């Protein structure tokens, strides 16, 4: 029988900060102005501030955190942002009266705790026909709660063609003997916490700095099913030459983002 890891007996609060950061990209092909407008409308409906708030609320529940404050905003012409202050400790009754507009004293008292944020960046280029949606997500926690518990849920919550992940543990916490601990759990790759169903869909590479407790994983969707990337037209309606051109443009866009460099056109 496998032995469970012995828990560290801490002196006071666990002061380690664990931060999981996502850059999630969804690529689409929208050639005409009508198709581009349909794409933006889809993004504004699928990833508006209200739905993003629902996703982050689920994340908070998954990692065992309590929501202290919510701020959210939809932007014109497109995009949205949501920020949540969260805490390991439960809320007091007076803090639960208005989560979206707390007084200054309620916020200042918890700035040293944890937060979840998401910002979206839809964009398109009329010449190439490529439209790209990016969501930047940060889950930063202190104490025993871990952002890694929400890893798979967040990947599933977005149409993720490319996922760039960074996980870092910062600071230190002391045990009852006064010894400093710079990490409180075993990890050698973010991939350790990614489900097999997701791993089967993506090509992955790691860049890790173990001495600094910094972990970096990049994920690229293996297969392109063209109908999932089109607006206002179906794959079966395309001529072979057009089909190949769109497929090539989508693949090139993904590879450029994945490797962080432009390719020859």
Protein backbone atom coordinates (compact mmCIF):
# COMPACT_ATOMS: atom_id res chain seq x y z
CA UNK A 1 0.00 0.00 0.00
CA UNK A 2 1.36 3.39 -1.00
CA UNK A 3 2.17 5.66 1.93
CA UNK A 4 0.69 9.15 1.89
CA UNK A 5 3.07 12.08 2.21
CA UNK A 6 3.46 13.28 5.78
CA UNK A 7 1.99 16.73 6.26
CA UNK A 8 4.20 19.57 7.41
CA UNK A 9 3.27 20.87 10.87
CA UNK A 10 3.27 24.63 10.35
CA UNK A 11 3.84 27.50 12.68
CA UNK A 12 0.87 29.74 11.89
CA UNK A 13 -0.49 30.40 8.39
CA UNK A 14 0.91 28.76 5.23
CA UNK A 15 2.61 31.74 3.56
CA UNK A 16 3.48 30.00 0.27
CA UNK A 17 1.94 31.64 -2.78
CA UNK A 18 1.00 29.25 -5.60
CA UNK A 19 0.18 30.85 -8.93
CA UNK A 20 -1.16 29.09 -12.02
CA UNK A 21 -1.26 31.25 -15.16
CA UNK A 22 -2.93 30.38 -18.46
CA UNK A 23 -2.73 31.86 -21.94
CA UNK A 24 -5.49 30.08 -23.85
CA UNK A 25 -5.90 30.60 -27.60
CA UNK A 26 -8.88 29.73 -29.79
CA UNK A 27 -8.21 30.14 -33.54
CA UNK A 28 -10.94 30.56 -36.18
CA UNK A 29 -11.28 31.40 -39.87
CA UNK A 30 -13.60 34.31 -40.69
CA UNK A 31 -12.87 35.68 -44.14
CA UNK A 32 -15.73 38.07 -44.91
CA UNK A 33 -16.91 40.98 -42.81
CA UNK A 34 -20.13 39.09 -42.13
CA UNK A 35 -18.19 36.06 -40.87
CA UNK A 36 -15.95 38.25 -38.71
CA UNK A 37 -18.99 39.93 -37.17
CA UNK A 38 -20.50 36.50 -36.48
CA UNK A 39 -17.26 35.44 -34.80
CA UNK A 40 -17.18 38.51 -32.53
CA UNK A 41 -20.85 38.01 -31.65
CA UNK A 42 -20.10 34.40 -30.76
CA UNK A 43 -17.19 35.42 -28.53
CA UNK A 44 -19.20 38.17 -26.82
CA UNK A 45 -21.97 35.70 -26.05
CA UNK A 46 -19.82 32.70 -25.14
CA UNK A 47 -17.22 34.56 -23.07
CA UNK A 48 -18.93 37.64 -21.68
CA UNK A 49 -18.31 38.81 -18.13
CA UNK A 50 -21.35 36.96 -16.77
CA UNK A 51 -20.23 33.56 -18.09
CA UNK A 52 -16.62 34.19 -17.10
CA UNK A 53 -17.83 34.97 -13.58
CA UNK A 54 -19.63 31.62 -13.54
CA UNK A 55 -16.44 29.82 -14.63
CA UNK A 56 -14.33 31.53 -11.96
CA UNK A 57 -16.97 30.81 -9.32
CA UNK A 58 -16.70 27.12 -10.21
CA UNK A 59 -12.90 27.39 -9.92
CA UNK A 60 -13.23 28.91 -6.46
CA UNK A 61 -15.48 26.05 -5.38
CA UNK A 62 -13.10 23.43 -6.80
CA UNK A 63 -10.04 24.69 -4.98
CA UNK A 64 -11.97 25.12 -1.71
CA UNK A 65 -11.80 28.92 -1.56
CA UNK A 66 -14.30 31.53 -0.40
CA UNK A 67 -15.18 34.52 -2.58
CA UNK A 68 -14.64 37.89 -0.92
CA UNK A 69 -15.23 40.24 -3.83
CA UNK A 70 -16.15 40.20 -7.55
CA UNK A 71 -15.41 42.92 -10.11
CA UNK A 72 -16.39 42.37 -13.75
CA UNK A 73 -16.60 44.37 -16.95
CA UNK A 74 -17.62 43.88 -20.61
CA UNK A 75 -15.79 46.10 -23.11
CA UNK A 76 -16.81 47.86 -26.31
CA UNK A 77 -16.23 46.73 -29.05
CA UNK A 78 -15.29 43.35 -27.52
CA UNK A 79 -13.62 41.58 -24.62
CA UNK A 80 -14.32 41.15 -20.92
CA UNK A 81 -12.56 41.02 -17.55
CA UNK A 82 -13.40 39.45 -14.20
CA UNK A 83 -11.43 39.68 -10.94
CA UNK A 84 -12.22 37.78 -7.74
CA UNK A 85 -10.59 38.16 -4.36
CA UNK A 86 -10.73 34.82 -2.56
CA UNK A 87 -9.67 33.48 0.82
CA UNK A 88 -9.08 30.15 2.48
CA UNK A 89 -11.09 31.26 5.50
CA UNK A 90 -14.92 31.45 5.42
CA UNK A 91 -16.63 34.83 5.15
CA UNK A 92 -18.12 36.63 8.10
CA UNK A 93 -21.82 37.45 7.94
CA UNK A 94 -21.23 41.17 7.35
CA UNK A 95 -19.00 40.41 4.34
CA UNK A 96 -21.70 38.40 2.55
CA UNK A 97 -24.20 41.25 2.12
CA UNK A 98 -22.74 42.61 -1.14
CA UNK A 99 -19.94 40.64 -2.78
CA UNK A 100 -19.77 42.88 -5.84
CA UNK A 101 -19.33 46.16 -3.98
CA UNK A 102 -17.59 45.79 -0.61
CA UNK A 103 -16.39 48.73 1.41
CA UNK A 104 -12.67 49.64 1.33
CA UNK A 105 -12.06 48.12 4.75
CA UNK A 106 -13.34 44.73 3.54
CA UNK A 107 -10.94 44.67 0.59
CA UNK A 108 -7.81 45.98 2.29
CA UNK A 109 -8.04 43.34 4.99
CA UNK A 110 -7.69 40.56 2.42
CA UNK A 111 -5.22 41.88 -0.15
CA UNK A 112 -2.58 39.52 1.21
CA UNK A 113 -4.73 36.48 0.39
CA UNK A 114 -5.63 35.09 -3.01
CA UNK A 115 -7.23 36.05 -6.30
CA UNK A 116 -8.55 34.72 -9.62
CA UNK A 117 -8.58 36.88 -12.76
CA UNK A 118 -9.50 36.47 -16.41
CA UNK A 119 -9.10 38.91 -19.31
CA UNK A 120 -10.12 38.18 -22.91
CA UNK A 121 -8.63 39.50 -26.15
CA UNK A 122 -10.61 38.75 -29.34
CA UNK A 123 -8.99 39.99 -32.56
CA UNK A 124 -9.07 39.41 -36.31
CA UNK A 125 -7.18 40.40 -39.43
CA UNK A 126 -9.25 41.04 -42.60
CA UNK A 127 -6.45 40.14 -45.04
CA UNK A 128 -5.57 36.72 -43.68
CA UNK A 129 -9.10 35.73 -42.55
CA UNK A 130 -7.73 34.50 -39.24
CA UNK A 131 -9.50 35.43 -36.00
CA UNK A 132 -7.87 34.70 -32.67
CA UNK A 133 -9.39 34.69 -29.20
CA UNK A 134 -7.03 34.78 -26.22
CA UNK A 135 -7.97 34.40 -22.57
CA UNK A 136 -5.42 35.19 -19.85
CA UNK A 137 -6.24 33.52 -16.55
CA UNK A 138 -4.42 33.73 -13.22
CA UNK A 139 -5.28 31.65 -10.16
CA UNK A 140 -3.12 32.73 -7.23
CA UNK A 141 -3.59 31.20 -3.79
CA UNK A 142 -2.07 31.30 -0.32
CA UNK A 143 -2.49 28.66 2.35
CA UNK A 144 -3.46 25.05 1.78
CA UNK A 145 -5.73 25.62 -1.23
CA UNK A 146 -4.12 24.81 -4.58
CA UNK A 147 -4.91 26.25 -8.04
CA UNK A 148 -3.85 22.96 -9.66
CA UNK A 149 -7.20 21.43 -8.67
CA UNK A 150 -8.92 23.60 -11.32
CA UNK A 151 -6.41 22.92 -14.10
CA UNK A 152 -8.43 20.44 -16.18
CA UNK A 153 -11.71 22.28 -15.69
CA UNK A 154 -10.28 25.53 -17.06
CA UNK A 155 -8.82 23.83 -20.14
CA UNK A 156 -12.22 22.22 -20.83
CA UNK A 157 -14.08 25.51 -20.27
CA UNK A 158 -12.53 27.17 -23.32
CA UNK A 159 -12.17 26.03 -26.94
CA UNK A 160 -8.46 25.61 -26.45
CA UNK A 161 -6.27 25.17 -29.53
CA UNK A 162 -3.16 26.33 -27.68
CA UNK A 163 -2.64 26.43 -23.92
CA UNK A 164 0.46 27.99 -22.37
CA UNK A 165 0.75 27.24 -18.67
CA UNK A 166 3.00 28.66 -15.96
CA UNK A 167 3.00 27.45 -12.37
CA UNK A 168 5.18 28.99 -9.69
CA UNK A 169 5.49 28.61 -5.94
CA UNK A 170 6.84 31.74 -4.23
CA UNK A 171 7.95 32.68 -0.76
CA UNK A 172 8.35 30.29 2.15
CA UNK A 173 6.48 29.03 5.16
CA UNK A 174 7.86 27.84 8.53
CA UNK A 175 7.21 24.61 10.33
CA UNK A 176 6.89 24.34 14.11
CA UNK A 177 10.69 23.91 14.42
CA UNK A 178 11.29 27.17 12.53
CA UNK A 179 12.60 25.48 9.37
CA UNK A 180 11.70 27.23 6.10
CA UNK A 181 9.81 25.28 3.43
CA UNK A 182 9.83 26.70 -0.12
CA UNK A 183 7.30 24.21 -1.48
CA UNK A 184 4.79 21.96 0.29
CA UNK A 185 3.92 19.41 -2.42
CA UNK A 186 5.66 17.19 -4.96
CA UNK A 187 5.73 18.32 -8.61
CA UNK A 188 8.16 17.88 -11.48
CA UNK A 189 5.82 18.98 -14.29
CA UNK A 190 2.41 20.59 -14.72
CA UNK A 191 1.64 17.57 -16.88
CA UNK A 192 1.45 15.51 -13.67
CA UNK A 193 -1.90 17.22 -13.00
CA UNK A 194 -3.40 17.10 -16.52
CA UNK A 195 -5.98 14.39 -17.24
CA UNK A 196 -5.30 11.65 -19.78
CA UNK A 197 -8.27 12.71 -21.92
CA UNK A 198 -6.62 16.11 -22.41
CA UNK A 199 -3.12 14.70 -22.90
CA UNK A 200 -4.39 12.52 -25.75
CA UNK A 201 -5.54 15.64 -27.64
CA UNK A 202 -2.42 17.79 -27.33
CA UNK A 203 1.26 17.88 -28.20
CA UNK A 204 3.13 19.13 -25.11
CA UNK A 205 6.56 20.48 -24.25
CA UNK A 206 8.01 21.52 -20.87
CA UNK A 207 10.52 24.12 -19.75
CA UNK A 208 11.04 23.80 -15.99
CA UNK A 209 13.40 25.47 -13.50
CA UNK A 210 13.21 23.11 -10.55
CA UNK A 211 15.59 25.07 -8.32
CA UNK A 212 13.25 28.08 -8.50
CA UNK A 213 9.98 26.11 -8.34
CA UNK A 214 9.02 27.39 -11.80
CA UNK A 215 7.13 25.07 -14.18
CA UNK A 216 6.16 25.83 -17.78
CA UNK A 217 4.10 23.68 -20.17
CA UNK A 218 2.95 24.46 -23.71
CA UNK A 219 0.09 22.55 -25.36
CA UNK A 220 -0.85 22.41 -29.05
CA UNK A 221 -3.97 20.66 -30.35
CA UNK A 222 -2.92 17.73 -32.54
CA UNK A 223 -5.82 17.52 -35.00
CA UNK A 224 -7.73 20.23 -36.87
CA UNK A 225 -11.37 19.44 -37.68
CA UNK A 226 -12.10 22.27 -40.08
CA UNK A 227 -15.81 22.60 -39.30
CA UNK A 228 -14.86 23.65 -35.76
CA UNK A 229 -13.02 26.70 -37.14
CA UNK A 230 -15.47 28.07 -39.73
CA UNK A 231 -18.16 30.73 -39.49
CA UNK A 232 -20.99 31.00 -42.04
CA UNK A 233 -19.72 28.10 -44.18
CA UNK A 234 -19.36 24.32 -43.85
CA UNK A 235 -16.29 22.24 -44.64
CA UNK A 236 -18.20 20.12 -47.16
CA UNK A 237 -19.08 23.22 -49.20
CA UNK A 238 -15.43 24.14 -49.78
CA UNK A 239 -13.47 23.30 -52.91
CA UNK A 240 -10.34 21.22 -52.27
CA UNK A 241 -7.99 24.14 -52.97
CA UNK A 242 -9.90 26.42 -50.55
CA UNK A 243 -10.01 23.68 -47.94
CA UNK A 244 -6.25 23.20 -48.10
CA UNK A 245 -5.59 26.95 -48.02
CA UNK A 246 -7.67 27.45 -44.86
CA UNK A 247 -6.20 24.38 -43.18
CA UNK A 248 -2.67 25.62 -43.92
CA UNK A 249 -3.46 29.14 -42.63
CA UNK A 250 -4.91 27.79 -39.37
CA UNK A 251 -1.99 25.44 -38.80
CA UNK A 252 0.54 28.20 -39.48
CA UNK A 253 -1.22 30.54 -37.01
CA UNK A 254 -1.15 27.87 -34.32
CA UNK A 255 2.50 27.01 -34.86
CA UNK A 256 3.53 30.69 -34.79
CA UNK A 257 1.76 31.21 -31.46
CA UNK A 258 2.99 27.91 -30.02
CA UNK A 259 6.66 28.57 -30.87
CA UNK A 260 6.47 32.35 -30.39
CA UNK A 261 7.90 33.27 -33.78
CA UNK A 262 6.65 34.17 -37.26
CA UNK A 263 6.95 31.70 -40.11
CA UNK A 264 7.64 32.43 -43.78
CA UNK A 265 4.40 33.21 -45.58
